Amino acid sequence: MQGAARWAMASIMEQSPDRFRAAPVSRLIGFEVAEDAGDGVTVVALAAGEQHANPMGRVHGGVISALADAAMGTAYGRVLLAEEDFSTIELKVNFMRPVKMGRILATARMVQRGLRIGFLDCEIHDRRGKLVATATSTCMTLSR
């Protein structure tokens, strides 16, 4: 990351009490990251529109995957110490049914956290509350 871009990213992270809610990818795709309730569960919503569609007019699988990754990454990042950071090292998504446009909710939770590795899972539901996908993620804790 070069000069101004690095400064802008650092500025966003420093100004936001929850850097995940202000992440550039959240603004780009349209993720709405719920406030941290302190219960270890993270909810990220997306109002899926035509800009998120695949050629068949359904929500693109990559968008659903990104939504799950954002929810699980946020859940993991929120339990780290101030001097820690992380990276997703594995992501798996199982699609249950096609998703029509509308509000989609991803609910992620920590399954297990060790010293360096954490495992999370996530359920993604459509506007009718139907399970449309499940996901798991492995994250690695890094020193800043």
N, C-alpha and C. Protein backbone atom coordinates (compact mmCIF):
# COMPACT_ATOMS: atom_id res chain seq x y z
N MET A 1 0.86 -1.17 0.00
CA MET A 1 0.00 0.00 0.00
C MET A 1 0.91 1.23 0.00
N GLN A 2 0.64 2.18 -0.83
CA GLN A 2 1.48 3.36 -0.99
C GLN A 2 0.91 4.55 -0.22
N GLY A 3 1.79 5.48 0.17
CA GLY A 3 1.53 6.75 0.79
C GLY A 3 0.13 7.08 1.23
N ALA A 4 -0.63 7.77 0.37
CA ALA A 4 -1.96 8.27 0.72
C ALA A 4 -2.93 7.16 1.07
N ALA A 5 -2.86 6.04 0.35
CA ALA A 5 -3.76 4.92 0.64
C ALA A 5 -3.48 4.34 2.02
N ARG A 6 -2.20 4.21 2.36
CA ARG A 6 -1.84 3.69 3.69
C ARG A 6 -2.32 4.65 4.77
N TRP A 7 -2.14 5.96 4.55
CA TRP A 7 -2.58 6.95 5.51
C TRP A 7 -4.10 6.89 5.68
N ALA A 8 -4.84 6.78 4.57
CA ALA A 8 -6.30 6.74 4.64
C ALA A 8 -6.77 5.51 5.42
N MET A 9 -6.15 4.35 5.17
CA MET A 9 -6.53 3.13 5.89
C MET A 9 -6.23 3.29 7.37
N ALA A 10 -5.05 3.78 7.72
CA ALA A 10 -4.69 3.98 9.12
C ALA A 10 -5.64 4.97 9.77
N SER A 11 -6.00 6.01 9.05
CA SER A 11 -6.90 7.03 9.58
C SER A 11 -8.27 6.44 9.89
N ILE A 12 -8.80 5.63 8.99
CA ILE A 12 -10.09 4.98 9.23
C ILE A 12 -10.03 4.10 10.46
N MET A 13 -8.96 3.30 10.56
CA MET A 13 -8.84 2.37 11.69
C MET A 13 -8.68 3.11 13.02
N GLU A 14 -7.97 4.24 13.02
CA GLU A 14 -7.76 4.98 14.25
C GLU A 14 -9.02 5.72 14.69
N GLN A 15 -9.81 6.21 13.74
CA GLN A 15 -10.96 7.03 14.07
C GLN A 15 -12.17 6.20 14.47
N SER A 16 -12.24 4.98 14.00
CA SER A 16 -13.41 4.15 14.27
C SER A 16 -13.22 3.33 15.53
N PRO A 17 -14.17 3.37 16.46
CA PRO A 17 -14.04 2.54 17.64
C PRO A 17 -14.11 1.05 17.26
N ASP A 18 -14.67 0.74 16.14
CA ASP A 18 -14.74 -0.63 15.64
C ASP A 18 -14.33 -0.59 14.17
N ARG A 19 -13.07 -0.88 13.91
CA ARG A 19 -12.53 -0.75 12.55
C ARG A 19 -13.25 -1.62 11.54
N PHE A 20 -13.92 -2.65 11.98
CA PHE A 20 -14.61 -3.54 11.06
C PHE A 20 -15.86 -2.90 10.48
N ARG A 21 -16.51 -2.05 11.24
CA ARG A 21 -17.71 -1.37 10.75
C ARG A 21 -17.36 -0.33 9.70
N ALA A 22 -16.12 0.18 9.73
CA ALA A 22 -15.71 1.23 8.80
C ALA A 22 -14.79 0.71 7.69
N ALA A 23 -14.65 -0.59 7.56
CA ALA A 23 -13.72 -1.16 6.59
C ALA A 23 -14.10 -0.77 5.16
N PRO A 24 -13.11 -0.45 4.32
CA PRO A 24 -13.41 -0.09 2.94
C PRO A 24 -14.23 -1.15 2.19
N VAL A 25 -13.96 -2.42 2.42
CA VAL A 25 -14.72 -3.46 1.72
C VAL A 25 -16.19 -3.44 2.14
N SER A 26 -16.46 -3.08 3.38
CA SER A 26 -17.85 -2.99 3.83
C SER A 26 -18.60 -1.91 3.06
N ARG A 27 -17.93 -0.78 2.84
CA ARG A 27 -18.55 0.30 2.06
C ARG A 27 -18.69 -0.09 0.60
N LEU A 28 -17.67 -0.75 0.05
CA LEU A 28 -17.69 -1.13 -1.36
C LEU A 28 -18.84 -2.07 -1.68
N ILE A 29 -18.98 -3.12 -0.90
CA ILE A 29 -20.01 -4.14 -1.18
C ILE A 29 -21.35 -3.77 -0.57
N GLY A 30 -21.33 -3.05 0.54
CA GLY A 30 -22.58 -2.65 1.18
C GLY A 30 -22.88 -3.41 2.46
N PHE A 31 -21.85 -3.98 3.09
CA PHE A 31 -22.05 -4.71 4.34
C PHE A 31 -22.45 -3.75 5.45
N GLU A 32 -23.35 -4.21 6.29
CA GLU A 32 -23.75 -3.48 7.49
C GLU A 32 -23.32 -4.34 8.67
N VAL A 33 -22.25 -3.92 9.34
CA VAL A 33 -21.71 -4.69 10.46
C VAL A 33 -22.38 -4.23 11.75
N ALA A 34 -23.03 -5.16 12.44
CA ALA A 34 -23.71 -4.82 13.69
C ALA A 34 -22.69 -4.48 14.76
N GLU A 35 -23.10 -3.64 15.69
CA GLU A 35 -22.23 -3.28 16.80
C GLU A 35 -21.88 -4.52 17.60
N ASP A 36 -20.73 -4.47 18.24
CA ASP A 36 -20.25 -5.59 19.06
C ASP A 36 -21.09 -5.65 20.33
N ALA A 37 -21.84 -6.74 20.49
CA ALA A 37 -22.66 -6.92 21.68
C ALA A 37 -21.89 -7.57 22.81
N GLY A 38 -20.64 -7.98 22.54
CA GLY A 38 -19.82 -8.59 23.57
C GLY A 38 -20.14 -10.04 23.87
N ASP A 39 -20.95 -10.66 23.01
CA ASP A 39 -21.34 -12.05 23.26
C ASP A 39 -20.60 -13.05 22.38
N GLY A 40 -19.63 -12.57 21.60
CA GLY A 40 -18.86 -13.46 20.74
C GLY A 40 -19.52 -13.78 19.42
N VAL A 41 -20.70 -13.23 19.19
CA VAL A 41 -21.42 -13.45 17.94
C VAL A 41 -21.38 -12.15 17.14
N THR A 42 -21.13 -12.27 15.84
CA THR A 42 -21.12 -11.10 14.98
C THR A 42 -22.15 -11.29 13.88
N VAL A 43 -22.93 -10.25 13.62
CA VAL A 43 -23.92 -10.27 12.55
C VAL A 43 -23.55 -9.21 11.52
N VAL A 44 -23.51 -9.63 10.27
CA VAL A 44 -23.27 -8.72 9.16
C VAL A 44 -24.41 -8.89 8.17
N ALA A 45 -25.01 -7.79 7.76
CA ALA A 45 -26.14 -7.82 6.83
C ALA A 45 -25.75 -7.23 5.49
N LEU A 46 -26.49 -7.61 4.48
CA LEU A 46 -26.33 -7.05 3.15
C LEU A 46 -27.70 -6.90 2.51
N ALA A 47 -27.99 -5.70 2.02
CA ALA A 47 -29.19 -5.48 1.23
C ALA A 47 -28.80 -5.79 -0.21
N ALA A 48 -28.96 -7.05 -0.61
CA ALA A 48 -28.51 -7.49 -1.94
C ALA A 48 -29.39 -6.91 -3.03
N GLY A 49 -28.74 -6.26 -3.98
CA GLY A 49 -29.44 -5.66 -5.11
C GLY A 49 -28.87 -6.18 -6.42
N GLU A 50 -29.30 -5.57 -7.50
CA GLU A 50 -28.86 -6.02 -8.83
C GLU A 50 -27.35 -5.95 -9.01
N GLN A 51 -26.68 -5.04 -8.30
CA GLN A 51 -25.23 -4.93 -8.41
C GLN A 51 -24.52 -6.16 -7.82
N HIS A 52 -25.23 -6.99 -7.08
CA HIS A 52 -24.67 -8.20 -6.47
C HIS A 52 -25.07 -9.46 -7.24
N ALA A 53 -25.72 -9.31 -8.38
CA ALA A 53 -26.31 -10.45 -9.10
C ALA A 53 -25.31 -11.16 -10.00
N ASN A 54 -25.55 -12.46 -10.14
CA ASN A 54 -24.84 -13.26 -11.14
C ASN A 54 -25.64 -13.19 -12.45
N PRO A 55 -25.19 -13.82 -13.52
CA PRO A 55 -25.93 -13.74 -14.80
C PRO A 55 -27.33 -14.32 -14.74
N MET A 56 -27.62 -15.17 -13.73
CA MET A 56 -28.96 -15.76 -13.61
C MET A 56 -29.91 -14.90 -12.78
N GLY A 57 -29.43 -13.74 -12.31
CA GLY A 57 -30.28 -12.84 -11.54
C GLY A 57 -30.38 -13.17 -10.07
N ARG A 58 -29.53 -14.03 -9.58
CA ARG A 58 -29.48 -14.37 -8.15
C ARG A 58 -28.25 -13.71 -7.55
N VAL A 59 -28.15 -13.71 -6.21
CA VAL A 59 -26.97 -13.14 -5.56
C VAL A 59 -25.77 -14.03 -5.89
N HIS A 60 -24.70 -13.41 -6.35
CA HIS A 60 -23.49 -14.12 -6.74
C HIS A 60 -22.88 -14.85 -5.54
N GLY A 61 -22.43 -16.07 -5.76
CA GLY A 61 -21.82 -16.86 -4.69
C GLY A 61 -20.61 -16.19 -4.07
N GLY A 62 -19.86 -15.45 -4.87
CA GLY A 62 -18.70 -14.74 -4.34
C GLY A 62 -19.10 -13.66 -3.35
N VAL A 63 -20.25 -13.03 -3.57
CA VAL A 63 -20.75 -12.02 -2.64
C VAL A 63 -21.16 -12.68 -1.33
N ILE A 64 -21.83 -13.82 -1.43
CA ILE A 64 -22.22 -14.56 -0.21
C ILE A 64 -20.96 -15.01 0.54
N SER A 65 -19.96 -15.47 -0.19
CA SER A 65 -18.70 -15.87 0.44
C SER A 65 -18.04 -14.69 1.13
N ALA A 66 -18.02 -13.54 0.47
CA ALA A 66 -17.43 -12.34 1.07
C ALA A 66 -18.19 -11.92 2.32
N LEU A 67 -19.52 -12.06 2.29
CA LEU A 67 -20.34 -11.73 3.45
C LEU A 67 -19.97 -12.64 4.63
N ALA A 68 -19.85 -13.93 4.37
CA ALA A 68 -19.48 -14.88 5.43
C ALA A 68 -18.08 -14.57 5.95
N ASP A 69 -17.14 -14.29 5.04
CA ASP A 69 -15.77 -13.98 5.43
C ASP A 69 -15.74 -12.72 6.29
N ALA A 70 -16.52 -11.71 5.93
CA ALA A 70 -16.57 -10.48 6.71
C ALA A 70 -17.12 -10.74 8.11
N ALA A 71 -18.16 -11.54 8.21
CA ALA A 71 -18.75 -11.84 9.52
C ALA A 71 -17.78 -12.62 10.40
N MET A 72 -17.16 -13.65 9.83
CA MET A 72 -16.24 -14.46 10.63
C MET A 72 -14.96 -13.68 10.95
N GLY A 73 -14.46 -12.91 10.01
CA GLY A 73 -13.28 -12.09 10.27
C GLY A 73 -13.54 -11.06 11.35
N THR A 74 -14.70 -10.46 11.32
CA THR A 74 -15.06 -9.48 12.35
C THR A 74 -15.17 -10.15 13.71
N ALA A 75 -15.80 -11.32 13.75
CA ALA A 75 -15.93 -12.05 15.01
C ALA A 75 -14.55 -12.37 15.59
N TYR A 76 -13.63 -12.78 14.73
CA TYR A 76 -12.28 -13.11 15.20
C TYR A 76 -11.52 -11.85 15.60
N GLY A 77 -11.57 -10.85 14.76
CA GLY A 77 -10.84 -9.63 15.04
C GLY A 77 -11.25 -8.94 16.31
N ARG A 78 -12.50 -9.08 16.68
CA ARG A 78 -13.01 -8.41 17.89
C ARG A 78 -12.51 -9.04 19.18
N VAL A 79 -11.96 -10.25 19.13
CA VAL A 79 -11.45 -10.89 20.36
C VAL A 79 -9.94 -10.74 20.50
N LEU A 80 -9.29 -10.11 19.54
CA LEU A 80 -7.84 -9.96 19.58
C LEU A 80 -7.42 -8.83 20.51
N LEU A 81 -6.18 -8.92 20.97
CA LEU A 81 -5.59 -7.85 21.76
C LEU A 81 -5.21 -6.70 20.84
N ALA A 82 -4.99 -5.52 21.39
CA ALA A 82 -4.67 -4.33 20.59
C ALA A 82 -3.43 -4.52 19.74
N GLU A 83 -2.46 -5.29 20.20
CA GLU A 83 -1.22 -5.48 19.45
C GLU A 83 -1.29 -6.66 18.47
N GLU A 84 -2.45 -7.27 18.35
CA GLU A 84 -2.61 -8.41 17.44
C GLU A 84 -3.41 -8.02 16.21
N ASP A 85 -3.16 -8.74 15.15
CA ASP A 85 -3.90 -8.62 13.91
C ASP A 85 -4.17 -10.05 13.46
N PHE A 86 -4.75 -10.24 12.28
CA PHE A 86 -5.01 -11.61 11.84
C PHE A 86 -5.12 -11.68 10.33
N SER A 87 -5.12 -12.90 9.85
CA SER A 87 -5.36 -13.16 8.44
C SER A 87 -6.18 -14.44 8.32
N THR A 88 -7.13 -14.44 7.40
CA THR A 88 -7.87 -15.67 7.11
C THR A 88 -6.94 -16.58 6.32
N ILE A 89 -6.81 -17.83 6.77
CA ILE A 89 -5.94 -18.76 6.06
C ILE A 89 -6.72 -19.89 5.39
N GLU A 90 -8.01 -19.97 5.69
CA GLU A 90 -8.85 -20.98 5.02
C GLU A 90 -10.30 -20.53 5.13
N LEU A 91 -11.04 -20.72 4.04
CA LEU A 91 -12.46 -20.35 4.00
C LEU A 91 -13.20 -21.41 3.20
N LYS A 92 -14.28 -21.92 3.76
CA LYS A 92 -15.10 -22.92 3.06
C LYS A 92 -16.55 -22.50 3.15
N VAL A 93 -17.23 -22.52 2.02
CA VAL A 93 -18.64 -22.14 1.97
C VAL A 93 -19.43 -23.26 1.31
N ASN A 94 -20.55 -23.62 1.92
CA ASN A 94 -21.49 -24.58 1.35
C ASN A 94 -22.78 -23.84 1.04
N PHE A 95 -23.19 -23.88 -0.21
CA PHE A 95 -24.41 -23.20 -0.64
C PHE A 95 -25.58 -24.18 -0.58
N MET A 96 -26.67 -23.77 0.05
CA MET A 96 -27.84 -24.63 0.22
C MET A 96 -28.92 -24.38 -0.81
N ARG A 97 -29.06 -23.11 -1.22
CA ARG A 97 -30.11 -22.73 -2.16
C ARG A 97 -29.74 -21.40 -2.80
N PRO A 98 -30.28 -21.13 -3.99
CA PRO A 98 -30.03 -19.83 -4.62
C PRO A 98 -30.67 -18.72 -3.79
N VAL A 99 -30.08 -17.55 -3.87
CA VAL A 99 -30.54 -16.42 -3.07
C VAL A 99 -31.09 -15.33 -3.97
N LYS A 100 -32.33 -14.93 -3.72
CA LYS A 100 -32.93 -13.81 -4.44
C LYS A 100 -32.47 -12.50 -3.80
N MET A 101 -32.69 -11.42 -4.50
CA MET A 101 -32.31 -10.11 -3.98
C MET A 101 -33.09 -9.82 -2.69
N GLY A 102 -32.51 -9.02 -1.84
CA GLY A 102 -33.12 -8.67 -0.57
C GLY A 102 -32.10 -8.77 0.55
N ARG A 103 -32.56 -8.61 1.74
CA ARG A 103 -31.67 -8.60 2.91
C ARG A 103 -31.17 -10.02 3.22
N ILE A 104 -29.86 -10.11 3.42
CA ILE A 104 -29.21 -11.38 3.77
C ILE A 104 -28.45 -11.14 5.07
N LEU A 105 -28.53 -12.08 6.01
CA LEU A 105 -27.84 -11.96 7.29
C LEU A 105 -26.84 -13.08 7.46
N ALA A 106 -25.62 -12.72 7.83
CA ALA A 106 -24.59 -13.70 8.17
C ALA A 106 -24.33 -13.59 9.66
N THR A 107 -24.43 -14.71 10.36
CA THR A 107 -24.20 -14.75 11.80
C THR A 107 -23.02 -15.66 12.06
N ALA A 108 -21.95 -15.09 12.61
CA ALA A 108 -20.71 -15.83 12.83
C ALA A 108 -20.41 -15.96 14.31
N ARG A 109 -19.74 -17.06 14.65
CA ARG A 109 -19.34 -17.27 16.04
C ARG A 109 -17.99 -17.98 16.09
N MET A 110 -17.27 -17.71 17.15
CA MET A 110 -16.00 -18.39 17.40
C MET A 110 -16.30 -19.80 17.90
N VAL A 111 -15.71 -20.79 17.28
CA VAL A 111 -15.85 -22.17 17.74
C VAL A 111 -14.72 -22.51 18.69
N GLN A 112 -13.49 -22.13 18.29
CA GLN A 112 -12.31 -22.43 19.11
C GLN A 112 -11.23 -21.42 18.80
N ARG A 113 -10.57 -20.92 19.84
CA ARG A 113 -9.42 -20.04 19.63
C ARG A 113 -8.26 -20.55 20.44
N GLY A 114 -7.13 -20.72 19.75
CA GLY A 114 -5.88 -21.07 20.40
C GLY A 114 -4.98 -19.86 20.42
N LEU A 115 -3.71 -20.09 20.70
CA LEU A 115 -2.75 -19.00 20.78
C LEU A 115 -2.58 -18.31 19.43
N ARG A 116 -2.50 -19.07 18.34
CA ARG A 116 -2.26 -18.51 17.01
C ARG A 116 -3.36 -18.80 15.99
N ILE A 117 -4.18 -19.81 16.22
CA ILE A 117 -5.18 -20.22 15.24
C ILE A 117 -6.57 -20.19 15.87
N GLY A 118 -7.53 -19.70 15.08
CA GLY A 118 -8.92 -19.71 15.52
C GLY A 118 -9.80 -20.33 14.45
N PHE A 119 -10.86 -21.00 14.88
CA PHE A 119 -11.81 -21.63 13.97
C PHE A 119 -13.18 -21.04 14.23
N LEU A 120 -13.87 -20.62 13.15
CA LEU A 120 -15.18 -19.98 13.26
C LEU A 120 -16.17 -20.64 12.33
N ASP A 121 -17.45 -20.47 12.64
CA ASP A 121 -18.48 -20.91 11.69
C ASP A 121 -19.50 -19.80 11.51
N CYS A 122 -20.29 -19.95 10.45
CA CYS A 122 -21.23 -18.89 10.07
C CYS A 122 -22.43 -19.51 9.38
N GLU A 123 -23.59 -18.94 9.64
CA GLU A 123 -24.81 -19.29 8.91
C GLU A 123 -25.31 -18.04 8.20
N ILE A 124 -25.74 -18.23 6.96
CA ILE A 124 -26.26 -17.12 6.16
C ILE A 124 -27.73 -17.42 5.87
N HIS A 125 -28.60 -16.47 6.22
CA HIS A 125 -30.04 -16.62 6.03
C HIS A 125 -30.56 -15.53 5.10
N ASP A 126 -31.59 -15.89 4.33
CA ASP A 126 -32.19 -14.90 3.43
C ASP A 126 -33.28 -14.11 4.16
N ARG A 127 -33.97 -13.26 3.42
CA ARG A 127 -34.97 -12.37 4.02
C ARG A 127 -36.15 -13.12 4.62
N ARG A 128 -36.35 -14.37 4.22
CA ARG A 128 -37.44 -15.18 4.80
C ARG A 128 -36.97 -16.03 5.97
N GLY A 129 -35.68 -15.90 6.31
CA GLY A 129 -35.12 -16.68 7.41
C GLY A 129 -34.65 -18.06 7.00
N LYS A 130 -34.66 -18.34 5.71
CA LYS A 130 -34.21 -19.65 5.21
C LYS A 130 -32.68 -19.71 5.20
N LEU A 131 -32.14 -20.84 5.62
CA LEU A 131 -30.70 -21.05 5.57
C LEU A 131 -30.28 -21.20 4.11
N VAL A 132 -29.40 -20.31 3.64
CA VAL A 132 -28.97 -20.35 2.25
C VAL A 132 -27.53 -20.81 2.08
N ALA A 133 -26.73 -20.70 3.15
CA ALA A 133 -25.34 -21.14 3.08
C ALA A 133 -24.78 -21.29 4.49
N THR A 134 -23.77 -22.13 4.60
CA THR A 134 -22.98 -22.22 5.83
C THR A 134 -21.53 -22.02 5.44
N ALA A 135 -20.73 -21.59 6.39
CA ALA A 135 -19.32 -21.36 6.11
C ALA A 135 -18.49 -21.64 7.35
N THR A 136 -17.23 -22.00 7.12
CA THR A 136 -16.26 -22.11 8.20
C THR A 136 -15.00 -21.37 7.77
N SER A 137 -14.24 -20.96 8.77
CA SER A 137 -13.02 -20.20 8.50
C SER A 137 -11.97 -20.52 9.55
N THR A 138 -10.74 -20.54 9.11
CA THR A 138 -9.60 -20.64 10.01
C THR A 138 -8.82 -19.34 9.88
N CYS A 139 -8.55 -18.73 11.02
CA CYS A 139 -7.80 -17.46 11.05
C CYS A 139 -6.52 -17.64 11.84
N MET A 140 -5.48 -16.92 11.41
CA MET A 140 -4.20 -16.94 12.09
C MET A 140 -3.94 -15.59 12.73
N THR A 141 -3.59 -15.60 14.03
CA THR A 141 -3.26 -14.38 14.74
C THR A 141 -1.83 -13.98 14.38
N LEU A 142 -1.67 -12.69 14.11
CA LEU A 142 -0.37 -12.12 13.75
C LEU A 142 -0.02 -10.99 14.70
N SER A 143 1.26 -10.74 14.87
CA SER A 143 1.70 -9.57 15.64
C SER A 143 1.72 -8.37 14.71
N ARG A 144 1.34 -7.22 15.19
CA ARG A 144 1.36 -6.01 14.36
C ARG A 144 2.76 -5.50 14.20
